[in-house]
């Protein structure tokens, strides 16, 4: 713990220094050039101190701190023209980060693949890693055009996406429920059109066309905080070389199609209206799946080549040489379609609560097929249709002797409860669907998600809780943190805890043993 404290002090000092360099005695949004330019963003350090390290994993760690990232996000909006008839705006978002755990923990660094370690520590590509968004926004009358790299929000519920289907996720440094959607979504280059009609219901028409920029879902690196534990992945030669998860994920990334104007196009449209006090949308999306299916005929050869490359790496040391990677394609990203919609309303008779509904119907969604539904025994792939919905209830409450007391000073308890349900049509036991939260053989998965917030001491402090529970698999997540807002509008710090678990022995992914103390320091400008 002494070393963990030293790590936190080091990265906190770096955060403070960077924030002071950016500090301005103004509002949270910096306005320049007669308010034509607006700049906002944050500098943040997040550190996790593991509390559930297993004895087998401790031999690959020098401390309980296996994540300590200092990150910067800057967003800028420049009004090039805004005279009533025509508005032209330029928007850009830029991020940078430094993840310090690999440099401060020699053992962790030694047991990460060389390429993973470089990508994990800091950005390597300006376009892919640093530029989150960059587009021009042109508004003339009822028409609007946005052209460039964008992040699209088509409805978002807590920790689970239902109708928000456009942008892929990047889970290498965070996860929904612990981090914001803004921090885990990847931007795509696209054209986005809007037309505000004069039809009843104030209908807004929206269209999106991505000419061929594909980004796959990025999973956490082997041996990192959110990734598969090193000793679970490297069963070939524990303590030396790389593991099977690194080999698999790197091949998925290499097989991703990237830019291809002829094949990787994506398009969709959305209609938004307001009728009978309901704010609603209908949407359609046609795109490549963010997650691949495997070619089972190549799998045996791929495993054999991994074993040879891993053995060579163990004997000779170092990473994998370019010639070690298979030259054939193993993973394919197949096209599918999504129909969906959202609805939101306030029901005065039910305590003036706000209700949100999101639903989807996936057509021809690709699935791998494996013996008893096992991802380690894939023998083909197929397509299935999937339906699902999320229903969220939002409310505020007075708690006797609490919210009206001197501690909370009238601040009400905020509550959101979401029920999520999904069903795979024409289900068979051989479908590989663990990554969707299904129990082997089950066509249905469902979960409840709870979000709570209570401000107190004149809003200088707030307590937040986010938790979810999957009824079929028994998986659960509980994250809580206490925030202190420093005088002014710039600084805040968090201290909390995140815990994960499962009840029935279905261990999916790598989060089940990531229980950690959360330490965050943030400066907003």
Protein backbone atom coordinates (compact mmCIF):
# COMPACT_ATOMS: atom_id res chain seq x y z
CA UNK A 1 0.00 0.00 0.00
CA UNK A 2 2.95 2.32 0.53
CA UNK A 3 3.91 1.93 -3.12
CA UNK A 4 0.26 2.39 -4.16
CA UNK A 5 0.13 5.67 -2.23
CA UNK A 6 3.32 6.80 -3.94
CA UNK A 7 1.88 6.05 -7.36
CA UNK A 8 -1.28 8.01 -6.59
CA UNK A 9 0.68 11.01 -5.29
CA UNK A 10 2.87 10.99 -8.40
CA UNK A 11 0.03 10.97 -10.91
CA UNK A 12 -2.03 13.39 -8.83
CA UNK A 13 0.85 15.86 -8.87
CA UNK A 14 1.04 15.47 -12.66
CA UNK A 15 -2.70 16.16 -12.93
CA UNK A 16 -2.44 19.26 -10.74
CA UNK A 17 0.49 20.59 -12.78
CA UNK A 18 -1.32 20.09 -16.09
CA UNK A 19 -4.48 21.67 -14.71
CA UNK A 20 -2.63 24.74 -13.41
CA UNK A 21 -1.09 25.23 -16.85
CA UNK A 22 -4.60 25.37 -18.32
CA UNK A 23 -6.21 27.32 -15.47
CA UNK A 24 -8.26 30.39 -16.35
CA UNK A 25 -10.15 32.62 -13.87
CA UNK A 26 -13.37 32.40 -15.91
CA UNK A 27 -16.42 30.24 -16.32
CA UNK A 28 -16.18 26.50 -16.91
CA UNK A 29 -16.45 27.17 -20.66
CA UNK A 30 -13.69 29.44 -21.95
CA UNK A 31 -14.95 31.95 -24.55
CA UNK A 32 -12.61 33.87 -26.85
CA UNK A 33 -12.74 36.11 -29.95
CA UNK A 34 -16.02 37.84 -29.05
CA UNK A 35 -17.52 34.51 -27.99
CA UNK A 36 -16.95 32.97 -31.42
CA UNK A 37 -14.66 30.32 -29.92
CA UNK A 38 -15.71 28.12 -27.00
CA UNK A 39 -13.29 25.72 -25.34
CA UNK A 40 -14.09 23.25 -22.60
CA UNK A 41 -12.68 19.99 -21.30
CA UNK A 42 -10.98 18.37 -18.37
CA UNK A 43 -7.75 16.96 -17.00
CA UNK A 44 -8.31 13.85 -14.92
CA UNK A 45 -6.40 11.21 -13.08
CA UNK A 46 -8.02 7.86 -12.29
CA UNK A 47 -6.26 5.32 -10.12
CA UNK A 48 -7.51 1.86 -9.13
CA UNK A 49 -6.07 -0.01 -6.15
CA UNK A 50 -6.95 -3.69 -6.38
CA UNK A 51 -8.32 -5.31 -3.22
CA UNK A 52 -8.99 -8.80 -4.55
CA UNK A 53 -5.66 -9.83 -6.05
CA UNK A 54 -5.31 -13.60 -6.05
CA UNK A 55 -2.06 -15.22 -4.91
CA UNK A 56 -1.39 -16.53 -8.42
CA UNK A 57 -1.75 -13.06 -9.90
CA UNK A 58 0.44 -11.35 -7.30
CA UNK A 59 3.57 -12.91 -8.82
CA UNK A 60 2.95 -10.73 -11.91
CA UNK A 61 2.47 -7.52 -9.88
CA UNK A 62 4.75 -5.38 -7.76
CA UNK A 63 1.83 -3.48 -6.21
CA UNK A 64 -1.95 -3.46 -5.98
CA UNK A 65 -2.10 -0.45 -8.32
CA UNK A 66 -2.54 -1.78 -11.84
CA UNK A 67 -4.26 1.28 -13.37
CA UNK A 68 -3.30 4.95 -13.06
CA UNK A 69 -4.21 7.07 -16.05
CA UNK A 70 -3.88 10.84 -16.42
CA UNK A 71 -6.01 12.00 -19.34
CA UNK A 72 -6.84 15.25 -21.12
CA UNK A 73 -9.94 15.95 -23.21
CA UNK A 74 -10.42 19.28 -24.99
CA UNK A 75 -13.47 20.27 -27.05
CA UNK A 76 -13.55 23.39 -29.18
CA UNK A 77 -16.45 25.03 -31.06
CA UNK A 78 -15.73 27.90 -33.47
CA UNK A 79 -18.58 29.90 -35.01
CA UNK A 80 -17.27 30.71 -38.45
CA UNK A 81 -20.53 32.39 -39.46
CA UNK A 82 -23.82 32.89 -37.64
CA UNK A 83 -26.00 35.61 -39.19
CA UNK A 84 -29.48 34.08 -39.12
CA UNK A 85 -29.64 32.95 -42.75
CA UNK A 86 -26.57 30.73 -42.51
CA UNK A 87 -24.64 29.24 -39.62
CA UNK A 88 -21.27 27.56 -40.11
CA UNK A 89 -19.53 26.00 -37.13
CA UNK A 90 -16.35 23.99 -36.69
CA UNK A 91 -16.12 21.44 -33.89
CA UNK A 92 -13.12 19.42 -32.72
CA UNK A 93 -12.43 17.09 -29.82
CA UNK A 94 -8.89 16.03 -28.90
CA UNK A 95 -7.71 13.70 -26.18
CA UNK A 96 -4.38 12.51 -24.81
CA UNK A 97 -3.45 10.24 -21.95
CA UNK A 98 -0.61 8.65 -20.06
CA UNK A 99 -1.18 5.35 -18.26
CA UNK A 100 1.54 5.06 -15.65
CA UNK A 101 1.09 1.62 -14.12
CA UNK A 102 3.36 -0.14 -16.62
CA UNK A 103 6.19 2.31 -15.95
CA UNK A 104 5.79 2.21 -12.18
CA UNK A 105 5.36 -1.57 -11.92
CA UNK A 106 8.28 -3.46 -13.46
CA UNK A 107 6.61 -6.85 -13.18
CA UNK A 108 3.40 -5.71 -14.89
CA UNK A 109 5.40 -4.12 -17.71
CA UNK A 110 7.47 -7.25 -18.30
CA UNK A 111 4.38 -9.40 -18.69
CA UNK A 112 2.60 -7.21 -21.25
CA UNK A 113 3.06 -7.74 -24.96
CA UNK A 114 5.34 -5.04 -26.40
CA UNK A 115 2.79 -3.60 -28.84
CA UNK A 116 0.01 -3.66 -26.25
CA UNK A 117 2.19 -1.82 -23.74
CA UNK A 118 2.91 1.04 -26.16
CA UNK A 119 -0.71 1.46 -27.22
CA UNK A 120 -1.93 1.23 -23.64
CA UNK A 121 0.51 3.77 -22.19
CA UNK A 122 -0.25 6.64 -24.59
CA UNK A 123 -1.70 7.55 -27.98
CA UNK A 124 0.20 6.44 -31.09
CA UNK A 125 -2.08 7.67 -33.89
CA UNK A 126 -3.31 11.26 -34.15
CA UNK A 127 -6.34 10.39 -36.27
CA UNK A 128 -7.41 7.19 -34.53
CA UNK A 129 -6.37 7.83 -30.93
CA UNK A 130 -6.20 11.58 -30.34
CA UNK A 131 -8.97 13.07 -32.51
CA UNK A 132 -12.29 12.06 -30.98
CA UNK A 133 -14.41 14.31 -33.22
CA UNK A 134 -13.71 16.79 -36.02
CA UNK A 135 -16.55 18.06 -38.20
CA UNK A 136 -18.08 21.08 -39.89
CA UNK A 137 -21.70 21.93 -39.06
CA UNK A 138 -23.66 23.93 -41.67
CA UNK A 139 -27.20 25.15 -40.90
CA UNK A 140 -29.38 26.90 -43.47
CA UNK A 141 -33.10 27.22 -42.80
CA UNK A 142 -34.56 23.80 -41.92
CA UNK A 143 -31.49 21.97 -43.25
CA UNK A 144 -28.37 20.97 -41.33
CA UNK A 145 -25.27 19.09 -42.52
CA UNK A 146 -22.46 17.75 -40.34
CA UNK A 147 -19.46 16.32 -42.18
CA UNK A 148 -16.48 14.76 -40.42
CA UNK A 149 -15.63 12.50 -37.51
CA UNK A 150 -18.56 12.30 -35.09
CA UNK A 151 -20.00 10.55 -32.04
CA UNK A 152 -23.74 10.02 -32.41
CA UNK A 153 -26.17 9.65 -29.50
CA UNK A 154 -29.34 7.74 -30.39
CA UNK A 155 -30.53 7.10 -26.86
CA UNK A 156 -28.47 5.90 -23.93
CA UNK A 157 -29.47 4.03 -20.80
CA UNK A 158 -27.25 3.30 -17.80
CA UNK A 159 -24.50 0.69 -18.45
CA UNK A 160 -26.39 -0.99 -21.32
CA UNK A 161 -26.86 0.22 -24.91
CA UNK A 162 -30.22 -0.52 -26.52
CA UNK A 163 -31.00 1.98 -29.31
CA UNK A 164 -27.57 3.64 -29.33
CA UNK A 165 -26.11 1.57 -32.18
CA UNK A 166 -23.95 3.87 -34.33
CA UNK A 167 -20.52 4.18 -32.68
CA UNK A 168 -18.42 1.21 -31.51
CA UNK A 169 -17.01 1.01 -27.99
CA UNK A 170 -13.39 1.19 -26.85
CA UNK A 171 -13.15 -0.71 -23.58
CA UNK A 172 -9.37 -0.74 -23.19
CA UNK A 173 -9.32 1.94 -20.47
CA UNK A 174 -12.83 1.94 -19.07
CA UNK A 175 -16.26 0.38 -18.81
CA UNK A 176 -19.86 1.70 -18.77
CA UNK A 177 -21.06 2.38 -15.26
CA UNK A 178 -17.58 3.33 -14.11
CA UNK A 179 -16.76 5.73 -16.95
CA UNK A 180 -19.05 7.95 -19.03
CA UNK A 181 -20.27 6.92 -22.49
CA UNK A 182 -18.30 9.88 -23.85
CA UNK A 183 -15.07 8.22 -22.75
CA UNK A 184 -15.72 4.74 -24.17
CA UNK A 185 -17.20 5.52 -27.61
CA UNK A 186 -15.12 5.81 -30.80
CA UNK A 187 -15.84 8.46 -33.42
CA UNK A 188 -16.56 7.60 -37.06
CA UNK A 189 -16.11 9.67 -40.24
CA UNK A 190 -19.54 10.29 -41.71
CA UNK A 191 -22.06 12.64 -43.30
CA UNK A 192 -25.04 13.48 -41.08
CA UNK A 193 -28.14 15.27 -42.38
CA UNK A 194 -31.05 16.91 -40.53
CA UNK A 195 -34.29 18.38 -41.82
CA UNK A 196 -36.77 20.12 -39.51
CA UNK A 197 -40.23 19.65 -41.02
CA UNK A 198 -43.43 21.64 -40.46
CA UNK A 199 -45.44 18.44 -40.11
CA UNK A 200 -47.62 17.70 -37.06
CA UNK A 201 -45.53 16.47 -34.16
CA UNK A 202 -42.63 18.77 -35.09
CA UNK A 203 -40.96 15.90 -36.96
CA UNK A 204 -37.17 16.02 -37.32
CA UNK A 205 -35.66 13.83 -40.03
CA UNK A 206 -32.06 12.62 -39.69
CA UNK A 207 -29.86 10.59 -42.03
CA UNK A 208 -26.33 9.19 -41.64
CA UNK A 209 -23.96 7.90 -44.30
CA UNK A 210 -20.54 6.48 -43.43
CA UNK A 211 -18.71 5.93 -46.74
CA UNK A 212 -16.42 3.20 -45.42
CA UNK A 213 -14.75 4.04 -42.09
CA UNK A 214 -14.94 0.89 -39.94
CA UNK A 215 -13.88 0.62 -36.31
CA UNK A 216 -14.30 -2.59 -34.38
CA UNK A 217 -15.06 -2.86 -30.67
CA UNK A 218 -11.73 -2.77 -28.85
CA UNK A 219 -11.41 -5.11 -25.87
CA UNK A 220 -9.01 -4.60 -22.93
CA UNK A 221 -5.42 -5.73 -23.35
CA UNK A 222 -4.18 -8.92 -21.74
CA UNK A 223 -2.77 -8.37 -18.25
CA UNK A 224 -4.15 -4.83 -17.84
CA UNK A 225 -6.66 -3.73 -15.25
CA UNK A 226 -9.78 -4.37 -17.34
CA UNK A 227 -8.30 -7.25 -19.33
CA UNK A 228 -7.98 -10.97 -18.81
CA UNK A 229 -5.50 -11.79 -16.06
CA UNK A 230 -2.10 -12.73 -17.43
CA UNK A 231 -1.98 -16.12 -15.67
CA UNK A 232 -5.41 -17.07 -17.10
CA UNK A 233 -4.37 -16.26 -20.65
CA UNK A 234 -0.81 -17.57 -20.72
CA UNK A 235 -1.20 -21.26 -19.96
CA UNK A 236 1.45 -22.17 -22.55
CA UNK A 237 4.41 -20.75 -20.63
CA UNK A 238 3.34 -18.86 -17.50
CA UNK A 239 5.69 -16.03 -16.63
CA UNK A 240 7.23 -15.73 -20.11
CA UNK A 241 6.05 -14.55 -23.49
CA UNK A 242 2.48 -13.57 -24.34
CA UNK A 243 -0.85 -15.30 -23.84
CA UNK A 244 -3.60 -16.63 -26.06
CA UNK A 245 -5.86 -13.63 -25.44
CA UNK A 246 -3.24 -11.22 -26.82
CA UNK A 247 -2.76 -13.45 -29.87
CA UNK A 248 -6.51 -13.58 -30.49
CA UNK A 249 -7.21 -9.88 -29.97
CA UNK A 250 -4.29 -8.78 -32.13
CA UNK A 251 -5.52 -11.02 -34.95
CA UNK A 252 -9.03 -9.56 -34.62
CA UNK A 253 -7.56 -6.07 -34.97
CA UNK A 254 -5.43 -7.06 -37.96
CA UNK A 255 -8.42 -8.68 -39.69
CA UNK A 256 -10.69 -5.66 -39.16
CA UNK A 257 -11.40 -4.13 -42.59
CA UNK A 258 -10.59 -0.49 -41.70
CA UNK A 259 -11.25 1.95 -44.56
CA UNK A 260 -12.97 0.43 -47.59
CA UNK A 261 -15.25 2.64 -49.68
CA UNK A 262 -16.66 -0.29 -51.61
CA UNK A 263 -17.68 -2.64 -48.79
CA UNK A 264 -17.63 -0.95 -45.39
CA UNK A 265 -20.32 1.66 -45.95
CA UNK A 266 -22.85 2.18 -43.16
CA UNK A 267 -26.09 4.11 -43.33
CA UNK A 268 -29.21 4.79 -41.34
CA UNK A 269 -31.95 7.26 -40.60
CA UNK A 270 -34.01 8.43 -37.66
CA UNK A 271 -37.32 10.25 -37.24
CA UNK A 272 -37.98 12.25 -34.07
CA UNK A 273 -41.30 13.73 -33.00
CA UNK A 274 -43.38 14.92 -30.08
CA UNK A 275 -46.96 13.64 -29.80
CA UNK A 276 -49.29 13.35 -26.75
CA UNK A 277 -46.48 14.56 -24.44
CA UNK A 278 -44.22 11.76 -25.67
CA UNK A 279 -40.80 12.55 -27.13
CA UNK A 280 -40.24 9.60 -29.48
CA UNK A 281 -37.89 8.37 -32.22
CA UNK A 282 -37.85 5.59 -34.81
CA UNK A 283 -34.53 4.46 -36.29
CA UNK A 284 -32.94 2.15 -38.84
CA UNK A 285 -29.24 1.22 -39.05
CA UNK A 286 -27.38 -0.92 -41.64
CA UNK A 287 -23.75 -1.65 -40.78
CA UNK A 288 -20.99 -4.17 -40.22
CA UNK A 289 -21.04 -5.82 -36.82
CA UNK A 290 -18.49 -4.32 -34.41
CA UNK A 291 -17.64 -7.84 -33.18
CA UNK A 292 -16.40 -10.59 -35.52
CA UNK A 293 -17.19 -14.23 -36.13
CA UNK A 294 -14.37 -16.75 -36.58
CA UNK A 295 -13.62 -19.01 -39.54
CA UNK A 296 -13.67 -22.41 -37.85
CA UNK A 297 -11.74 -24.10 -40.68
CA UNK A 298 -8.73 -21.91 -39.89
CA UNK A 299 -8.96 -22.19 -36.11
CA UNK A 300 -6.79 -25.31 -35.65
CA UNK A 301 -4.01 -23.85 -37.76
CA UNK A 302 -4.28 -20.55 -35.91
CA UNK A 303 -3.90 -22.26 -32.54
CA UNK A 304 -0.93 -24.27 -33.81
CA UNK A 305 0.79 -21.16 -35.12
CA UNK A 306 0.19 -19.41 -31.79
CA UNK A 307 1.88 -22.24 -29.93
CA UNK A 308 4.91 -22.12 -32.22
CA UNK A 309 5.20 -18.34 -32.00
CA UNK A 310 4.73 -18.40 -28.23
CA UNK A 311 7.36 -21.09 -27.81
CA UNK A 312 9.81 -19.11 -29.96
CA UNK A 313 9.10 -15.99 -27.93
CA UNK A 314 9.75 -17.84 -24.68
CA UNK A 315 13.04 -19.33 -25.88
CA UNK A 316 14.44 -16.30 -27.67
CA UNK A 317 12.78 -13.58 -25.60
CA UNK A 318 11.15 -10.41 -26.92
CA UNK A 319 7.86 -10.04 -28.71
CA UNK A 320 6.27 -11.64 -31.73
CA UNK A 321 8.05 -11.07 -35.02
CA UNK A 322 6.05 -9.93 -38.10
CA UNK A 323 6.61 -13.29 -39.75
CA UNK A 324 4.94 -15.08 -36.85
CA UNK A 325 1.49 -13.68 -37.63
CA UNK A 326 -0.76 -15.78 -39.89
CA UNK A 327 -1.19 -14.26 -43.36
CA UNK A 328 -4.71 -15.66 -43.81
CA UNK A 329 -7.94 -14.08 -42.55
CA UNK A 330 -9.50 -15.70 -39.51
CA UNK A 331 -12.09 -13.16 -38.31
CA UNK A 332 -14.91 -11.66 -40.38
CA UNK A 333 -17.11 -8.67 -39.57
CA UNK A 334 -20.53 -9.40 -41.05
CA UNK A 335 -23.31 -6.98 -41.99
CA UNK A 336 -26.57 -6.80 -40.05
CA UNK A 337 -29.51 -4.41 -39.67
CA UNK A 338 -31.20 -2.78 -36.69
CA UNK A 339 -34.71 -1.37 -36.29
CA UNK A 340 -35.43 0.46 -33.09
CA UNK A 341 -36.86 3.42 -31.30
CA UNK A 342 -37.11 5.44 -28.11
CA UNK A 343 -39.89 7.13 -26.15
CA UNK A 344 -39.81 9.46 -23.17
CA UNK A 345 -42.57 11.09 -21.15
CA UNK A 346 -43.36 12.53 -17.72
CA UNK A 347 -46.32 10.96 -15.89
CA UNK A 348 -47.70 13.48 -13.42
CA UNK A 349 -49.98 10.94 -11.71
CA UNK A 350 -46.96 8.78 -10.85
CA UNK A 351 -45.11 11.28 -8.68
CA UNK A 352 -44.21 13.32 -11.81
CA UNK A 353 -41.74 10.57 -12.68
CA UNK A 354 -39.96 10.39 -16.05
CA UNK A 355 -40.20 7.15 -18.04
CA UNK A 356 -37.93 6.13 -20.94
CA UNK A 357 -38.33 3.19 -23.29
CA UNK A 358 -35.78 1.97 -25.83
CA UNK A 359 -36.28 -1.06 -28.05
CA UNK A 360 -34.47 -2.83 -30.90
CA UNK A 361 -34.85 -5.59 -33.45
CA UNK A 362 -31.58 -6.91 -34.91
CA UNK A 363 -31.98 -8.60 -38.28
CA UNK A 364 -29.43 -11.27 -39.31
CA UNK A 365 -27.09 -10.67 -36.39
CA UNK A 366 -23.97 -12.91 -36.76
CA UNK A 367 -23.14 -15.55 -34.13
CA UNK A 368 -20.41 -18.14 -33.85
CA UNK A 369 -21.46 -21.74 -33.27
CA UNK A 370 -19.55 -23.99 -30.89
CA UNK A 371 -19.86 -27.22 -28.99
CA UNK A 372 -22.34 -26.55 -26.14
CA UNK A 373 -22.07 -22.83 -26.94
CA UNK A 374 -18.39 -22.64 -25.93
CA UNK A 375 -16.25 -19.87 -27.44
CA UNK A 376 -13.22 -22.18 -27.12
CA UNK A 377 -14.81 -24.88 -29.32
CA UNK A 378 -16.03 -22.89 -32.33
CA UNK A 379 -17.05 -24.98 -35.34
CA UNK A 380 -18.92 -22.49 -37.55
CA UNK A 381 -21.10 -19.40 -37.63
CA UNK A 382 -24.71 -18.51 -38.38
CA UNK A 383 -27.23 -15.65 -38.22
CA UNK A 384 -30.09 -15.02 -35.83
CA UNK A 385 -32.61 -12.25 -35.19
CA UNK A 386 -32.54 -10.60 -31.76
CA UNK A 387 -35.18 -8.47 -30.04
CA UNK A 388 -34.94 -6.50 -26.83
CA UNK A 389 -35.89 -3.41 -24.84
CA UNK A 390 -34.91 -1.27 -21.89
CA UNK A 391 -37.48 0.47 -19.66
CA UNK A 392 -36.23 3.16 -17.28
CA UNK A 393 -38.00 4.89 -14.38
CA UNK A 394 -36.61 8.22 -13.10
CA UNK A 395 -37.78 10.01 -9.97
CA UNK A 396 -36.80 12.25 -7.05
CA UNK A 397 -37.76 11.62 -3.43
CA UNK A 398 -37.96 13.35 -0.10
CA UNK A 399 -36.61 11.20 2.74
CA UNK A 400 -37.94 12.13 6.18
CA UNK A 401 -35.33 13.52 8.55
CA UNK A 402 -32.69 13.29 5.80
CA UNK A 403 -33.31 15.39 2.69
CA UNK A 404 -34.99 18.22 4.63
CA UNK A 405 -32.41 18.23 7.38
CA UNK A 406 -29.33 20.41 7.64
CA UNK A 407 -27.20 17.72 6.00
CA UNK A 408 -28.97 17.68 2.61
CA UNK A 409 -30.58 21.14 2.82
CA UNK A 410 -33.56 20.19 0.66
CA UNK A 411 -31.65 18.25 -2.00
CA UNK A 412 -33.79 15.30 -3.05
CA UNK A 413 -32.60 11.75 -3.65
CA UNK A 414 -32.39 11.05 -7.40
CA UNK A 415 -33.24 7.52 -8.56
CA UNK A 416 -33.22 5.71 -11.90
CA UNK A 417 -34.17 2.04 -12.28
CA UNK A 418 -33.81 0.28 -15.65
CA UNK A 419 -35.04 -3.15 -16.65
CA UNK A 420 -33.32 -4.69 -19.69
CA UNK A 421 -34.59 -7.75 -21.58
CA UNK A 422 -33.23 -9.51 -24.70
CA UNK A 423 -34.27 -12.63 -26.61
CA UNK A 424 -32.48 -14.49 -29.42
CA UNK A 425 -35.01 -15.94 -31.86
CA UNK A 426 -34.60 -19.53 -33.08
CA UNK A 427 -32.11 -20.14 -30.30
CA UNK A 428 -29.99 -23.29 -30.12
CA UNK A 429 -27.58 -24.44 -27.42
CA UNK A 430 -24.66 -24.26 -29.87
CA UNK A 431 -24.88 -20.47 -30.29
CA UNK A 432 -21.90 -18.66 -28.71
CA UNK A 433 -23.52 -15.75 -26.88
CA UNK A 434 -21.69 -15.34 -23.58
CA UNK A 435 -20.55 -11.83 -24.59
CA UNK A 436 -24.23 -10.78 -24.61
CA UNK A 437 -24.82 -11.88 -21.00
CA UNK A 438 -26.70 -15.10 -21.84
CA UNK A 439 -26.40 -18.34 -19.93
CA UNK A 440 -25.47 -21.32 -22.17
CA UNK A 441 -28.60 -22.65 -23.85
CA UNK A 442 -30.83 -19.72 -22.78
CA UNK A 443 -32.48 -17.58 -25.42
CA UNK A 444 -33.31 -14.80 -22.94
CA UNK A 445 -31.22 -12.59 -20.71
CA UNK A 446 -32.53 -9.82 -18.46
CA UNK A 447 -31.07 -7.44 -15.93
CA UNK A 448 -31.94 -4.61 -13.57
CA UNK A 449 -29.79 -1.49 -13.33
CA UNK A 450 -30.01 1.00 -10.44
CA UNK A 451 -28.58 4.52 -10.28
CA UNK A 452 -28.74 6.71 -7.14
CA UNK A 453 -27.45 10.17 -6.31
CA UNK A 454 -27.71 12.27 -3.17
CA UNK A 455 -26.21 15.75 -2.83
CA UNK A 456 -25.55 17.16 0.61
CA UNK A 457 -23.79 19.96 2.52
CA UNK A 458 -25.01 22.59 0.04
CA UNK A 459 -24.01 20.43 -2.95
CA UNK A 460 -20.35 20.46 -1.98
CA UNK A 461 -20.59 16.68 -1.63
CA UNK A 462 -22.48 14.00 -3.55
CA UNK A 463 -22.83 10.24 -3.18
CA UNK A 464 -23.44 8.16 -6.33
CA UNK A 465 -24.22 4.46 -6.71
CA UNK A 466 -24.50 2.44 -9.93
CA UNK A 467 -25.29 -1.27 -9.84
CA UNK A 468 -26.64 -3.99 -12.09
CA UNK A 469 -27.68 -7.61 -11.71
CA UNK A 470 -28.25 -10.21 -14.46
CA UNK A 471 -30.98 -12.58 -13.32
CA UNK A 472 -30.08 -15.57 -15.53
CA UNK A 473 -26.32 -15.68 -14.94
CA UNK A 474 -26.10 -14.10 -11.49
CA UNK A 475 -23.51 -11.58 -12.65
CA UNK A 476 -23.49 -8.28 -10.79
CA UNK A 477 -21.64 -4.99 -10.58
CA UNK A 478 -21.71 -2.38 -7.82
CA UNK A 479 -19.89 0.95 -8.08
CA UNK A 480 -20.16 3.78 -5.58
CA UNK A 481 -18.19 6.94 -5.04
CA UNK A 482 -18.19 10.07 -2.91
CA UNK A 483 -17.43 13.35 -4.69
CA UNK A 484 -16.19 16.60 -3.17
CA UNK A 485 -16.57 19.78 -5.23
CA UNK A 486 -13.87 22.27 -4.32
CA UNK A 487 -14.89 25.94 -3.95
CA UNK A 488 -15.29 27.42 -7.40
CA UNK A 489 -16.27 25.48 -10.49
CA UNK A 490 -13.12 23.68 -11.59
CA UNK A 491 -11.91 21.04 -9.15
CA UNK A 492 -13.50 17.87 -7.86
CA UNK A 493 -12.21 14.63 -6.38
CA UNK A 494 -13.78 11.18 -5.99
CA UNK A 495 -13.13 8.28 -3.68
CA UNK A 496 -15.09 5.08 -4.01
CA UNK A 497 -15.18 1.37 -4.59
CA UNK A 498 -16.17 -0.96 -7.41
CA UNK A 499 -17.01 -4.63 -6.99
CA UNK A 500 -17.99 -7.40 -9.39
CA UNK A 501 -19.26 -10.93 -8.97
CA UNK A 502 -21.24 -13.84 -10.30
CA UNK A 503 -23.48 -16.38 -8.63
CA UNK A 504 -23.81 -19.46 -10.81
CA UNK A 505 -20.24 -20.05 -11.96
CA UNK A 506 -20.61 -18.49 -15.42
CA UNK A 507 -17.46 -16.37 -15.53
CA UNK A 508 -17.71 -14.15 -18.62
CA UNK A 509 -15.01 -11.66 -19.44
CA UNK A 510 -12.45 -10.42 -16.99
CA UNK A 511 -14.23 -8.17 -14.49
CA UNK A 512 -15.19 -10.72 -11.85
CA UNK A 513 -11.91 -10.22 -9.94
CA UNK A 514 -11.41 -6.46 -10.44
CA UNK A 515 -12.68 -5.23 -7.07
CA UNK A 516 -10.84 -1.95 -6.48
CA UNK A 517 -10.65 1.28 -4.55
CA UNK A 518 -11.40 4.22 -6.88
CA UNK A 519 -9.35 7.43 -6.59
CA UNK A 520 -10.08 10.25 -9.03
CA UNK A 521 -8.97 13.86 -9.29
CA UNK A 522 -10.50 16.07 -11.99
CA UNK A 523 -10.08 19.66 -13.19
CA UNK A 524 -12.72 21.03 -15.56
CA UNK A 525 -12.29 24.08 -17.75
